[in-house]
C-alpha atoms as a PDB file:
ATOM      1  CA  MET A   1      19.309  -3.556 113.579  1.00  0.00           C
ATOM      2  CA  ASN A   2      17.630  -5.825 115.932  1.00  0.00           C
ATOM      3  CA  PHE A   3      16.184  -9.030 115.141  1.00  0.00           C
ATOM      4  CA  LYS A   4      15.141 -12.249 117.199  1.00  0.00           C
ATOM      5  CA  ASN A   5      17.283 -14.330 114.952  1.00  0.00           C
ATOM      6  CA  ASP A   6      18.842 -14.818 111.468  1.00  0.00           C
ATOM      7  CA  VAL A   7      15.656 -16.345 110.018  1.00  0.00           C
ATOM      8  CA  ALA A   8      13.695 -13.254 111.099  1.00  0.00           C
ATOM      9  CA  ALA A   9      16.192 -11.271 109.427  1.00  0.00           C
ATOM     10  CA  VAL A  10      15.910 -13.237 106.151  1.00  0.00           C
ATOM     11  CA  ASP A  11      12.259 -12.960 106.381  1.00  0.00           C
ATOM     12  CA  GLU A  12      12.434  -9.062 106.640  1.00  0.00           C
ATOM     13  CA  LEU A  13      15.032  -8.883 103.833  1.00  0.00           C
ATOM     14  CA  CYS A  14      12.720 -10.735 101.641  1.00  0.00           C
ATOM     15  CA  ASN A  15       9.621  -8.311 102.349  1.00  0.00           C
ATOM     16  CA  THR A  16      12.057  -5.127 101.920  1.00  0.00           C
ATOM     17  CA  TYR A  17      13.170  -6.864  98.508  1.00  0.00           C
ATOM     18  CA  ASN A  18       9.493  -7.035  97.252  1.00  0.00           C
ATOM     19  CA  ASN A  19       8.973  -3.609  98.407  1.00  0.00           C
ATOM     20  CA  LEU A  20      12.060  -2.532  96.564  1.00  0.00           C
ATOM     21  CA  LEU A  21      11.043  -4.019  93.404  1.00  0.00           C
ATOM     22  CA  SER A  22       7.542  -2.591  93.374  1.00  0.00           C
ATOM     23  CA  GLU A  23       9.018   0.821  94.008  1.00  0.00           C
ATOM     24  CA  ILE A  24      11.477   0.407  91.096  1.00  0.00           C
ATOM     25  CA  LYS A  25       8.761  -0.867  88.788  1.00  0.00           C
ATOM     26  CA  LYS A  26       7.050   2.478  89.143  1.00  0.00           C
ATOM     27  CA  VAL A  27       9.913   3.934  86.903  1.00  0.00           C
ATOM     28  CA  ILE A  28      11.336   1.005  85.196  1.00  0.00           C
ATOM     29  CA  ILE A  29       8.934  -0.883  82.971  1.00  0.00           C
ATOM     30  CA  GLY A  30       9.315  -4.547  81.870  1.00  0.00           C
ATOM     31  CA  GLN A  31      12.900  -4.981  82.929  1.00  0.00           C
ATOM     32  CA  ASP A  32      12.281  -7.195  86.084  1.00  0.00           C
ATOM     33  CA  LYS A  33      14.852  -9.765  85.372  1.00  0.00           C
ATOM     34  CA  ILE A  34      17.415  -7.183  84.876  1.00  0.00           C
ATOM     35  CA  VAL A  35      16.608  -5.289  88.151  1.00  0.00           C
ATOM     36  CA  SER A  36      16.506  -8.433  90.169  1.00  0.00           C
ATOM     37  CA  GLN A  37      20.017  -9.372  88.896  1.00  0.00           C
ATOM     38  CA  VAL A  38      21.406  -5.699  89.687  1.00  0.00           C
ATOM     39  CA  LEU A  39      19.847  -6.084  93.161  1.00  0.00           C
ATOM     40  CA  ILE A  40      21.395  -9.593  93.679  1.00  0.00           C
ATOM     41  CA  SER A  41      24.801  -8.184  92.560  1.00  0.00           C
ATOM     42  CA  ILE A  42      24.530  -5.354  95.164  1.00  0.00           C
ATOM     43  CA  LEU A  43      23.219  -7.542  97.886  1.00  0.00           C
ATOM     44  CA  SER A  44      26.158  -9.918  97.034  1.00  0.00           C
ATOM     45  CA  GLY A  45      28.728  -7.045  97.413  1.00  0.00           C
ATOM     46  CA  GLY A  46      29.603  -7.421  93.485  1.00  0.00           C
ATOM     47  CA  HIS A  47      30.022  -4.909  90.651  1.00  0.00           C
ATOM     48  CA  CYS A  48      27.691  -5.137  87.495  1.00  0.00           C
ATOM     49  CA  LEU A  49      28.421  -4.630  83.974  1.00  0.00           C
ATOM     50  CA  LEU A  50      25.356  -3.577  81.810  1.00  0.00           C
ATOM     51  CA  VAL A  51      25.570  -4.089  78.006  1.00  0.00           C
ATOM     52  CA  GLY A  52      22.886  -2.801  75.749  1.00  0.00           C
ATOM     53  CA  VAL A  53      22.261  -0.530  72.804  1.00  0.00           C
ATOM     54  CA  PRO A  54      21.357   3.274  73.537  1.00  0.00           C
ATOM     55  CA  GLY A  55      17.982   4.006  74.813  1.00  0.00           C
ATOM     56  CA  LEU A  56      17.227   1.027  76.827  1.00  0.00           C
ATOM     57  CA  ALA A  57      17.194   3.120  80.241  1.00  0.00           C
ATOM     58  CA  LYS A  58      20.472   1.848  81.563  1.00  0.00           C
ATOM     59  CA  THR A  59      21.289   5.256  83.224  1.00  0.00           C
ATOM     60  CA  LEU A  60      17.597   5.620  84.413  1.00  0.00           C
ATOM     61  CA  LEU A  61      17.841   1.882  86.018  1.00  0.00           C
ATOM     62  CA  VAL A  62      21.051   2.732  88.033  1.00  0.00           C
ATOM     63  CA  ASN A  63      19.560   6.314  89.052  1.00  0.00           C
ATOM     64  CA  THR A  64      16.233   4.612  90.247  1.00  0.00           C
ATOM     65  CA  ILE A  65      17.982   1.895  92.140  1.00  0.00           C
ATOM     66  CA  SER A  66      20.267   4.118  94.005  1.00  0.00           C
ATOM     67  CA  ASP A  67      17.148   6.610  94.789  1.00  0.00           C
ATOM     68  CA  ALA A  68      15.398   3.261  96.334  1.00  0.00           C
ATOM     69  CA  LEU A  69      18.254   2.255  98.185  1.00  0.00           C
ATOM     70  CA  GLY A  70      19.063   5.735  99.511  1.00  0.00           C
ATOM     71  CA  LEU A  71      22.688   5.699  98.624  1.00  0.00           C
ATOM     72  CA  LYS A  72      25.067   8.371  97.255  1.00  0.00           C
ATOM     73  CA  TYR A  73      25.107   8.151  93.428  1.00  0.00           C
ATOM     74  CA  LYS A  74      27.541   9.689  91.046  1.00  0.00           C
ATOM     75  CA  ARG A  75      27.809   9.453  87.194  1.00  0.00           C
ATOM     76  CA  ILE A  76      31.035   9.535  85.661  1.00  0.00           C
ATOM     77  CA  GLN A  77      30.903   9.831  81.373  1.00  0.00           C
ATOM     78  CA  PHE A  78      33.699   7.920  80.272  1.00  0.00           C
ATOM     79  CA  THR A  79      35.548   9.547  77.366  1.00  0.00           C
ATOM     80  CA  PRO A  80      38.956   9.150  75.479  1.00  0.00           C
ATOM     81  CA  ASP A  81      40.367  12.110  77.260  1.00  0.00           C
ATOM     82  CA  LEU A  82      39.381  11.204  80.965  1.00  0.00           C
ATOM     83  CA  MET A  83      42.306  11.072  83.088  1.00  0.00           C
ATOM     84  CA  PRO A  84      42.595   8.857  86.502  1.00  0.00           C
ATOM     85  CA  SER A  85      42.769  12.255  88.377  1.00  0.00           C
ATOM     86  CA  ASP A  86      39.380  13.159  86.937  1.00  0.00           C
ATOM     87  CA  ILE A  87      37.840  10.164  88.677  1.00  0.00           C
ATOM     88  CA  ILE A  88      39.844   9.536  91.684  1.00  0.00           C
ATOM     89  CA  GLY A  89      40.512  13.086  92.740  1.00  0.00           C
ATOM     90  CA  THR A  90      43.643  15.423  92.738  1.00  0.00           C
ATOM     91  CA  GLU A  91      45.874  17.160  94.923  1.00  0.00           C
ATOM     92  CA  ILE A  92      45.885  21.103  95.051  1.00  0.00           C
ATOM     93  CA  LEU A  93      47.765  23.756  96.994  1.00  0.00           C
ATOM     94  CA  ASP A  94      45.583  25.516  99.473  1.00  0.00           C
ATOM     95  CA  GLU A  95      45.767  29.115 100.734  1.00  0.00           C
ATOM     96  CA  ASN A  96      48.517  27.845 103.418  1.00  0.00           C
ATOM     97  CA  ARG A  97      50.583  26.518 100.434  1.00  0.00           C
ATOM     98  CA  LYS A  98      49.965  23.014 101.800  1.00  0.00           C
ATOM     99  CA  PHE A  99      48.786  20.158  99.511  1.00  0.00           C
ATOM    100  CA  LYS A 100      45.033  19.245  99.996  1.00  0.00           C
ATOM    101  CA  PHE A 101      43.123  16.130  98.403  1.00  0.00           C
ATOM    102  CA  LEU A 102      40.018  17.023  96.436  1.00  0.00           C
ATOM    103  CA  LYS A 103      37.954  13.975  96.332  1.00  0.00           C
ATOM    104  CA  GLY A 104      36.639  12.707  92.770  1.00  0.00           C
ATOM    105  CA  PRO A 105      33.310  11.220  91.872  1.00  0.00           C
ATOM    106  CA  LEU A 106      34.455   7.897  93.034  1.00  0.00           C
ATOM    107  CA  PHE A 107      33.956   8.764  96.707  1.00  0.00           C
ATOM    108  CA  ALA A 108      30.213   7.721  96.629  1.00  0.00           C
ATOM    109  CA  ASN A 109      28.282   4.441  97.096  1.00  0.00           C
ATOM    110  CA  ILE A 110      26.986   3.625  93.566  1.00  0.00           C
ATOM    111  CA  ILE A 111      29.125   4.599  90.689  1.00  0.00           C
ATOM    112  CA  LEU A 112      27.597   4.583  87.205  1.00  0.00           C
ATOM    113  CA  ALA A 113      30.750   4.328  84.792  1.00  0.00           C
ATOM    114  CA  ASP A 114      28.847   5.245  81.413  1.00  0.00           C
ATOM    115  CA  GLU A 115      30.505   3.785  78.541  1.00  0.00           C
ATOM    116  CA  ILE A 116      33.253   2.281  80.383  1.00  0.00           C
ATOM    117  CA  ASN A 117      35.069   1.071  77.275  1.00  0.00           C
ATOM    118  CA  ARG A 118      35.468   4.496  75.864  1.00  0.00           C
ATOM    119  CA  THR A 119      38.361   5.534  78.176  1.00  0.00           C
ATOM    120  CA  PRO A 120      42.123   4.573  77.911  1.00  0.00           C
ATOM    121  CA  PRO A 121      43.698   1.751  80.004  1.00  0.00           C
ATOM    122  CA  LYS A 122      45.237   4.085  82.381  1.00  0.00           C
ATOM    123  CA  THR A 123      41.996   5.510  83.461  1.00  0.00           C
ATOM    124  CA  GLN A 124      40.265   1.988  83.501  1.00  0.00           C
ATOM    125  CA  ALA A 125      43.181   0.720  85.612  1.00  0.00           C
ATOM    126  CA  ALA A 126      42.322   3.379  88.369  1.00  0.00           C
ATOM    127  CA  LEU A 127      38.911   2.299  88.476  1.00  0.00           C
ATOM    128  CA  LEU A 128      40.168  -1.193  88.724  1.00  0.00           C
ATOM    129  CA  GLU A 129      42.089  -0.634  92.026  1.00  0.00           C
ATOM    130  CA  ALA A 130      39.046   1.134  93.421  1.00  0.00           C
ATOM    131  CA  MET A 131      36.763  -2.086  92.396  1.00  0.00           C
ATOM    132  CA  GLN A 132      39.018  -4.643  93.861  1.00  0.00           C
ATOM    133  CA  GLU A 133      40.380  -2.930  96.962  1.00  0.00           C
ATOM    134  CA  LYS A 134      37.588  -0.330  97.618  1.00  0.00           C
ATOM    135  CA  ALA A 135      40.406   2.216  98.078  1.00  0.00           C
ATOM    136  CA  ILE A 136      42.514   4.334  96.001  1.00  0.00           C
ATOM    137  CA  THR A 137      46.019   5.608  96.376  1.00  0.00           C
ATOM    138  CA  VAL A 138      47.140   9.267  95.709  1.00  0.00           C
ATOM    139  CA  ALA A 139      50.760  10.582  96.409  1.00  0.00           C
ATOM    140  CA  GLY A 140      51.666   7.401  98.423  1.00  0.00           C
ATOM    141  CA  ILE A 141      48.283   8.038 100.534  1.00  0.00           C
ATOM    142  CA  ASN A 142      45.759   5.403 100.628  1.00  0.00           C
ATOM    143  CA  TYR A 143      42.028   6.397 101.063  1.00  0.00           C
ATOM    144  CA  SER A 144      39.337   3.994 101.673  1.00  0.00           C
ATOM    145  CA  LEU A 145      36.096   4.500  99.774  1.00  0.00           C
ATOM    146  CA  GLU A 146      32.722   4.802 101.543  1.00  0.00           C
ATOM    147  CA  ASP A 147      30.847   1.465 102.160  1.00  0.00           C
ATOM    148  CA  PRO A 148      28.893  -0.044 100.492  1.00  0.00           C
ATOM    149  CA  PHE A 149      30.622   0.518  97.105  1.00  0.00           C
ATOM    150  CA  PHE A 150      29.302  -0.650  93.757  1.00  0.00           C
ATOM    151  CA  VAL A 151      30.424   0.021  90.306  1.00  0.00           C
ATOM    152  CA  LEU A 152      27.634  -0.224  87.647  1.00  0.00           C
ATOM    153  CA  ALA A 153      29.228   0.042  84.224  1.00  0.00           C
ATOM    154  CA  THR A 154      27.438   0.493  81.014  1.00  0.00           C
ATOM    155  CA  GLN A 155      28.764  -0.627  77.758  1.00  0.00           C
ATOM    156  CA  ASN A 156      27.255  -0.295  74.095  1.00  0.00           C
ATOM    157  CA  PRO A 157      27.782  -3.452  72.229  1.00  0.00           C
ATOM    158  CA  ILE A 158      27.538  -2.093  68.644  1.00  0.00           C
ATOM    159  CA  GLU A 159      29.678   0.947  68.124  1.00  0.00           C
ATOM    160  CA  GLN A 160      33.118  -0.343  68.644  1.00  0.00           C
ATOM    161  CA  GLU A 161      34.999   2.576  66.909  1.00  0.00           C
ATOM    162  CA  GLY A 162      37.156   4.711  69.258  1.00  0.00           C
ATOM    163  CA  THR A 163      36.658   2.103  72.103  1.00  0.00           C
ATOM    164  CA  TYR A 164      39.466   0.467  74.569  1.00  0.00           C
ATOM    165  CA  PRO A 165      38.204  -3.029  75.060  1.00  0.00           C
ATOM    166  CA  LEU A 166      38.289  -3.827  78.794  1.00  0.00           C
ATOM    167  CA  PRO A 167      41.143  -6.341  79.792  1.00  0.00           C
ATOM    168  CA  GLU A 168      40.136  -9.705  81.008  1.00  0.00           C
ATOM    169  CA  ALA A 169      41.624  -8.742  84.420  1.00  0.00           C
ATOM    170  CA  GLN A 170      39.287  -5.983  84.630  1.00  0.00           C
ATOM    171  CA  LEU A 171      36.051  -7.971  83.291  1.00  0.00           C
ATOM    172  CA  ASP A 172      36.901 -10.520  85.803  1.00  0.00           C
ATOM    173  CA  ARG A 173      36.112  -8.081  88.639  1.00  0.00           C
ATOM    174  CA  PHE A 174      32.418  -7.394  87.468  1.00  0.00           C
ATOM    175  CA  MET A 175      30.369 -10.182  89.354  1.00  0.00           C
ATOM    176  CA  PHE A 176      27.678 -10.154  86.645  1.00  0.00           C
ATOM    177  CA  ASN A 177      27.454  -9.225  82.910  1.00  0.00           C
ATOM    178  CA  ILE A 178      24.070  -8.441  82.374  1.00  0.00           C
ATOM    179  CA  ASN A 179      22.477  -8.136  78.754  1.00  0.00           C
ATOM    180  CA  LEU A 180      19.700  -5.608  78.266  1.00  0.00           C
ATOM    181  CA  ASP A 181      17.340  -6.232  75.244  1.00  0.00           C
ATOM    182  CA  TYR A 182      14.480  -4.193  73.830  1.00  0.00           C
ATOM    183  CA  PRO A 183      11.375  -4.135  75.728  1.00  0.00           C
ATOM    184  CA  ASP A 184       8.275  -6.144  74.477  1.00  0.00           C
ATOM    185  CA  PHE A 185       5.373  -4.354  72.377  1.00  0.00           C
ATOM    186  CA  ASN A 186       3.260  -3.940  75.362  1.00  0.00           C
ATOM    187  CA  ASP A 187       5.886  -2.621  77.961  1.00  0.00           C
ATOM    188  CA  GLU A 188       7.063  -0.245  75.143  1.00  0.00           C
ATOM    189  CA  ILE A 189       3.488   1.138  74.919  1.00  0.00           C
ATOM    190  CA  THR A 190       3.426   1.851  78.679  1.00  0.00           C
ATOM    191  CA  ILE A 191       7.032   3.253  78.518  1.00  0.00           C
ATOM    192  CA  VAL A 192       6.016   5.755  75.868  1.00  0.00           C
ATOM    193  CA  LYS A 193       2.653   6.780  77.645  1.00  0.00           C
ATOM    194  CA  ASN A 194       4.543   7.537  80.710  1.00  0.00           C
ATOM    195  CA  THR A 195       7.395   9.389  79.184  1.00  0.00           C
ATOM    196  CA  THR A 196       5.303  11.451  76.876  1.00  0.00           C
ATOM    197  CA  SER A 197       2.925  12.823  79.430  1.00  0.00           C
ATOM    198  CA  ASP A 198       2.878  14.668  82.738  1.00  0.00           C
ATOM    199  CA  ILE A 199       3.206  11.481  84.772  1.00  0.00           C
ATOM    200  CA  ASN A 200       6.145  12.060  87.089  1.00  0.00           C
ATOM    201  CA  LYS A 201       6.704   8.875  89.383  1.00  0.00           C
ATOM    202  CA  LYS A 202       9.047   9.067  92.332  1.00  0.00           C
ATOM    203  CA  VAL A 203      10.526   6.240  94.292  1.00  0.00           C
ATOM    204  CA  SER A 204      10.662   6.253  97.988  1.00  0.00           C
ATOM    205  CA  VAL A 205      13.737   4.899  99.998  1.00  0.00           C
ATOM    206  CA  GLN A 206      13.249   1.214 100.983  1.00  0.00           C
ATOM    207  CA  MET A 207      16.750   0.292 102.368  1.00  0.00           C
ATOM    208  CA  SER A 208      19.656   2.286 103.902  1.00  0.00           C
ATOM    209  CA  ALA A 209      23.272   1.905 103.508  1.00  0.00           C
ATOM    210  CA  GLU A 210      23.580   0.490 107.090  1.00  0.00           C
ATOM    211  CA  GLU A 211      20.775  -2.075 106.288  1.00  0.00           C
ATOM    212  CA  ILE A 212      22.548  -3.201 103.019  1.00  0.00           C
ATOM    213  CA  LEU A 213      25.739  -3.798 104.898  1.00  0.00           C
ATOM    214  CA  TYR A 214      23.836  -5.846 107.520  1.00  0.00           C
ATOM    215  CA  TYR A 215      22.151  -8.030 104.846  1.00  0.00           C
ATOM    216  CA  GLN A 216      25.360  -8.397 102.909  1.00  0.00           C
ATOM    217  CA  ASN A 217      26.895  -9.954 106.158  1.00  0.00           C
ATOM    218  CA  LEU A 218      23.665 -11.888 106.773  1.00  0.00           C
ATOM    219  CA  ILE A 219      23.976 -13.570 103.460  1.00  0.00           C
ATOM    220  CA  SER A 220      27.847 -14.313 103.880  1.00  0.00           C
ATOM    221  CA  LYS A 221      26.554 -16.507 106.783  1.00  0.00           C
ATOM    222  CA  VAL A 222      24.156 -18.638 104.770  1.00  0.00           C
ATOM    223  CA  PRO A 223      25.175 -22.191 104.731  1.00  0.00           C
ATOM    224  CA  VAL A 224      25.803 -23.895 101.603  1.00  0.00           C
ATOM    225  CA  ASN A 225      25.489 -27.839 101.155  1.00  0.00           C
ATOM    226  CA  ASN A 226      28.740 -29.592  99.633  1.00  0.00           C
ATOM    227  CA  ASN A 227      26.705 -30.837  96.534  1.00  0.00           C
ATOM    228  CA  VAL A 228      25.891 -27.262  95.601  1.00  0.00           C
ATOM    229  CA  LEU A 229      29.381 -26.150  96.205  1.00  0.00           C
ATOM    230  CA  GLU A 230      30.794 -28.797  93.909  1.00  0.00           C
ATOM    231  CA  TYR A 231      28.111 -28.160  91.332  1.00  0.00           C
ATOM    232  CA  ALA A 232      29.290 -24.424  91.018  1.00  0.00           C
ATOM    233  CA  VAL A 233      32.950 -25.457  90.886  1.00  0.00           C
ATOM    234  CA  LYS A 234      32.305 -28.434  88.309  1.00  0.00           C
ATOM    235  CA  LEU A 235      30.424 -25.896  86.176  1.00  0.00           C
ATOM    236  CA  ALA A 236      33.409 -23.254  86.293  1.00  0.00           C
ATOM    237  CA  THR A 237      36.013 -26.110  85.642  1.00  0.00           C
ATOM    238  CA  LYS A 238      33.952 -27.539  82.688  1.00  0.00           C
ATOM    239  CA  THR A 239      34.747 -24.253  80.987  1.00  0.00           C
ATOM    240  CA  ARG A 240      38.468 -24.976  80.880  1.00  0.00           C
ATOM    241  CA  PRO A 241      39.442 -26.300  77.650  1.00  0.00           C
ATOM    242  CA  ASN A 242      41.787 -29.222  77.539  1.00  0.00           C
ATOM    243  CA  THR A 243      41.834 -29.801  81.292  1.00  0.00           C
ATOM    244  CA  LYS A 244      41.019 -32.928  82.994  1.00  0.00           C
ATOM    245  CA  LEU A 245      37.463 -32.058  83.828  1.00  0.00           C
ATOM    246  CA  SER A 246      36.648 -29.920  80.712  1.00  0.00           C
ATOM    247  CA  HIS A 247      33.467 -30.534  78.873  1.00  0.00           C
ATOM    248  CA  PRO A 248      33.764 -31.282  74.903  1.00  0.00           C
ATOM    249  CA  ILE A 249      31.971 -28.291  74.075  1.00  0.00           C
ATOM    250  CA  ALA A 250      34.581 -26.231  75.856  1.00  0.00           C
ATOM    251  CA  ASP A 251      37.487 -28.276  74.047  1.00  0.00           C
ATOM    252  CA  LYS A 252      35.809 -27.333  70.795  1.00  0.00           C
ATOM    253  CA  TYR A 253      34.585 -23.778  71.237  1.00  0.00           C
ATOM    254  CA  ILE A 254      36.508 -22.064  74.043  1.00  0.00           C
ATOM    255  CA  SER A 255      39.933 -20.753  73.882  1.00  0.00           C
ATOM    256  CA  TRP A 256      40.139 -19.623  77.766  1.00  0.00           C
ATOM    257  CA  GLY A 257      37.564 -20.646  80.557  1.00  0.00           C
ATOM    258  CA  ALA A 258      36.322 -18.993  83.895  1.00  0.00           C
ATOM    259  CA  GLY A 259      38.785 -18.621  86.604  1.00  0.00           C
ATOM    260  CA  PRO A 260      38.160 -19.564  90.444  1.00  0.00           C
ATOM    261  CA  ARG A 261      36.402 -16.156  90.943  1.00  0.00           C
ATOM    262  CA  ALA A 262      33.701 -17.567  88.859  1.00  0.00           C
ATOM    263  CA  SER A 263      32.861 -20.296  91.382  1.00  0.00           C
ATOM    264  CA  GLN A 264      32.932 -17.720  94.217  1.00  0.00           C
ATOM    265  CA  PHE A 265      30.533 -15.163  92.527  1.00  0.00           C
ATOM    266  CA  MET A 266      28.387 -18.322  91.630  1.00  0.00           C
ATOM    267  CA  ILE A 267      28.129 -19.164  95.286  1.00  0.00           C
ATOM    268  CA  ARG A 268      27.582 -15.783  96.458  1.00  0.00           C
ATOM    269  CA  GLY A 269      24.815 -15.024  93.722  1.00  0.00           C
ATOM    270  CA  ALA A 270      23.215 -18.479  94.622  1.00  0.00           C
ATOM    271  CA  LYS A 271      22.989 -17.592  98.294  1.00  0.00           C
ATOM    272  CA  THR A 272      21.416 -14.169  97.682  1.00  0.00           C
ATOM    273  CA  HIS A 273      18.993 -15.748  95.097  1.00  0.00           C
ATOM    274  CA  ALA A 274      18.152 -18.374  97.671  1.00  0.00           C
ATOM    275  CA  ILE A 275      17.305 -15.637 100.219  1.00  0.00           C
ATOM    276  CA  LEU A 276      15.286 -13.429  98.066  1.00  0.00           C
ATOM    277  CA  SER A 277      13.250 -16.426  96.807  1.00  0.00           C
ATOM    278  CA  GLY A 278      12.253 -17.381 100.441  1.00  0.00           C
ATOM    279  CA  LYS A 279      14.710 -20.054 100.993  1.00  0.00           C
ATOM    280  CA  TYR A 280      17.326 -20.317 103.844  1.00  0.00           C
ATOM    281  CA  SER A 281      19.993 -22.094 101.874  1.00  0.00           C
ATOM    282  CA  PRO A 282      20.700 -22.308  98.129  1.00  0.00           C
ATOM    283  CA  ASP A 283      20.315 -25.580  95.614  1.00  0.00           C
ATOM    284  CA  ILE A 284      21.586 -26.139  92.469  1.00  0.00           C
ATOM    285  CA  GLU A 285      18.608 -24.413  90.966  1.00  0.00           C
ATOM    286  CA  ASP A 286      20.038 -21.066  92.483  1.00  0.00           C
ATOM    287  CA  VAL A 287      23.414 -21.721  91.013  1.00  0.00           C
ATOM    288  CA  VAL A 288      21.768 -22.202  87.663  1.00  0.00           C
ATOM    289  CA  ALA A 289      19.732 -18.876  87.886  1.00  0.00           C
ATOM    290  CA  VAL A 290      23.054 -16.966  88.320  1.00  0.00           C
ATOM    291  CA  ALA A 291      25.331 -18.969  85.945  1.00  0.00           C
ATOM    292  CA  LEU A 292      24.832 -17.084  82.755  1.00  0.00           C
ATOM    293  CA  PRO A 293      25.529 -13.429  84.056  1.00  0.00           C
ATOM    294  CA  VAL A 294      28.565 -14.764  86.079  1.00  0.00           C
ATOM    295  CA  LEU A 295      30.116 -16.927  83.144  1.00  0.00           C
ATOM    296  CA  ARG A 296      29.224 -14.605  80.139  1.00  0.00           C
ATOM    297  CA  HIS A 297      32.209 -12.424  80.286  1.00  0.00           C
ATOM    298  CA  ARG A 298      34.673 -14.987  81.783  1.00  0.00           C
ATOM    299  CA  ILE A 299      34.306 -17.400  78.612  1.00  0.00           C
ATOM    300  CA  ILE A 300      36.707 -16.483  75.521  1.00  0.00           C
ATOM    301  CA  LYS A 301      35.388 -18.048  72.398  1.00  0.00           C
ATOM    302  CA  ASN A 302      37.786 -19.502  69.860  1.00  0.00           C
ATOM    303  CA  TYR A 303      37.527 -18.902  65.966  1.00  0.00           C
ATOM    304  CA  LYS A 304      35.546 -22.058  65.244  1.00  0.00           C
ATOM    305  CA  ALA A 305      32.780 -20.684  67.792  1.00  0.00           C
ATOM    306  CA  GLU A 306      32.769 -17.368  65.896  1.00  0.00           C
ATOM    307  CA  ALA A 307      32.724 -19.043  62.413  1.00  0.00           C
ATOM    308  CA  GLU A 308      29.859 -21.374  63.414  1.00  0.00           C
ATOM    309  CA  ASN A 309      27.949 -18.468  65.216  1.00  0.00           C
ATOM    310  CA  ILE A 310      27.930 -20.377  68.535  1.00  0.00           C
ATOM    311  CA  SER A 311      27.225 -17.672  71.129  1.00  0.00           C
ATOM    312  CA  VAL A 312      28.565 -17.790  75.051  1.00  0.00           C
ATOM    313  CA  GLU A 313      24.784 -18.239  75.897  1.00  0.00           C
ATOM    314  CA  ASN A 314      24.707 -21.500  73.762  1.00  0.00           C
ATOM    315  CA  ILE A 315      27.778 -22.783  75.551  1.00  0.00           C
ATOM    316  CA  VAL A 316      26.606 -21.980  79.112  1.00  0.00           C
ATOM    317  CA  ASN A 317      23.002 -23.617  78.515  1.00  0.00           C
ATOM    318  CA  GLU A 318      24.859 -26.708  77.048  1.00  0.00           C
ATOM    319  CA  LEU A 319      27.057 -26.964  80.241  1.00  0.00           C
ATOM    320  CA  VAL A 320      24.095 -26.259  82.624  1.00  0.00           C
ATOM    321  CA  ASN A 321      21.978 -28.918  80.817  1.00  0.00           C
ATOM    322  CA  SER A 322      24.861 -31.544  80.830  1.00  0.00           C
END
């Protein structure tokens, strides 16, 4: 891609992002903030965990975004009997009696890991390697996954029977944990009107894989002032109970706080949020904008917080406001 300079490239990304939002809004009604957070995660090179009850269009959201980005999309329905070979692929004997590797559904750009907590730890671990290394190992041979590569996983917060909760190590690999809520009344009327008639809206491709990789690299070069860096790191350290920089609310309600990856993701997310807001460098406001989805799954509450019905959102808001 040829731009006069990085400023011109940033301006073009802003325009493309707005066109992208307009296209996605044709199909996804009333989830603007959610769509924006998923796109920030993708442009930051991170993975997303979407948490919401059934029927909130989580699958449709991922499908629509992949269509608008012109990326190869695969859906994996996670079940208790799913094996690692079902997602990464398997070796078979070909007609010449030589082993041949058949690629599994992980070999795509966007992976929808539907109900990720319904599969056993062995299969979750196979996905973990792919998310972290962007590669998989089969019979001692390492296979690189296609770039760009994103895992957008969904989870149902209500029905916990027959589930395998994601270990903290795997949760930490997700950049954002995004909570989907019910649409408001007017949005739901539009949704029902559109889905119960012959209206069939299609999205057009607004960005290619090559452009995504270019913009990811561009965002990584965005300069960050020291005060913004310090703010993000302080915010993460405040969540760690009984440490030198911990906040009193952390000592009271948190049993385990966020690690250094939280600080990294807050800065990466703040850079992207700033660029998409028309700025050329992030400020503290941009860190605050991404703090909750970054910290939500990295803070483990203690029994006192559970007993007093204190949510992670309450804790993060208190930390941000302090």
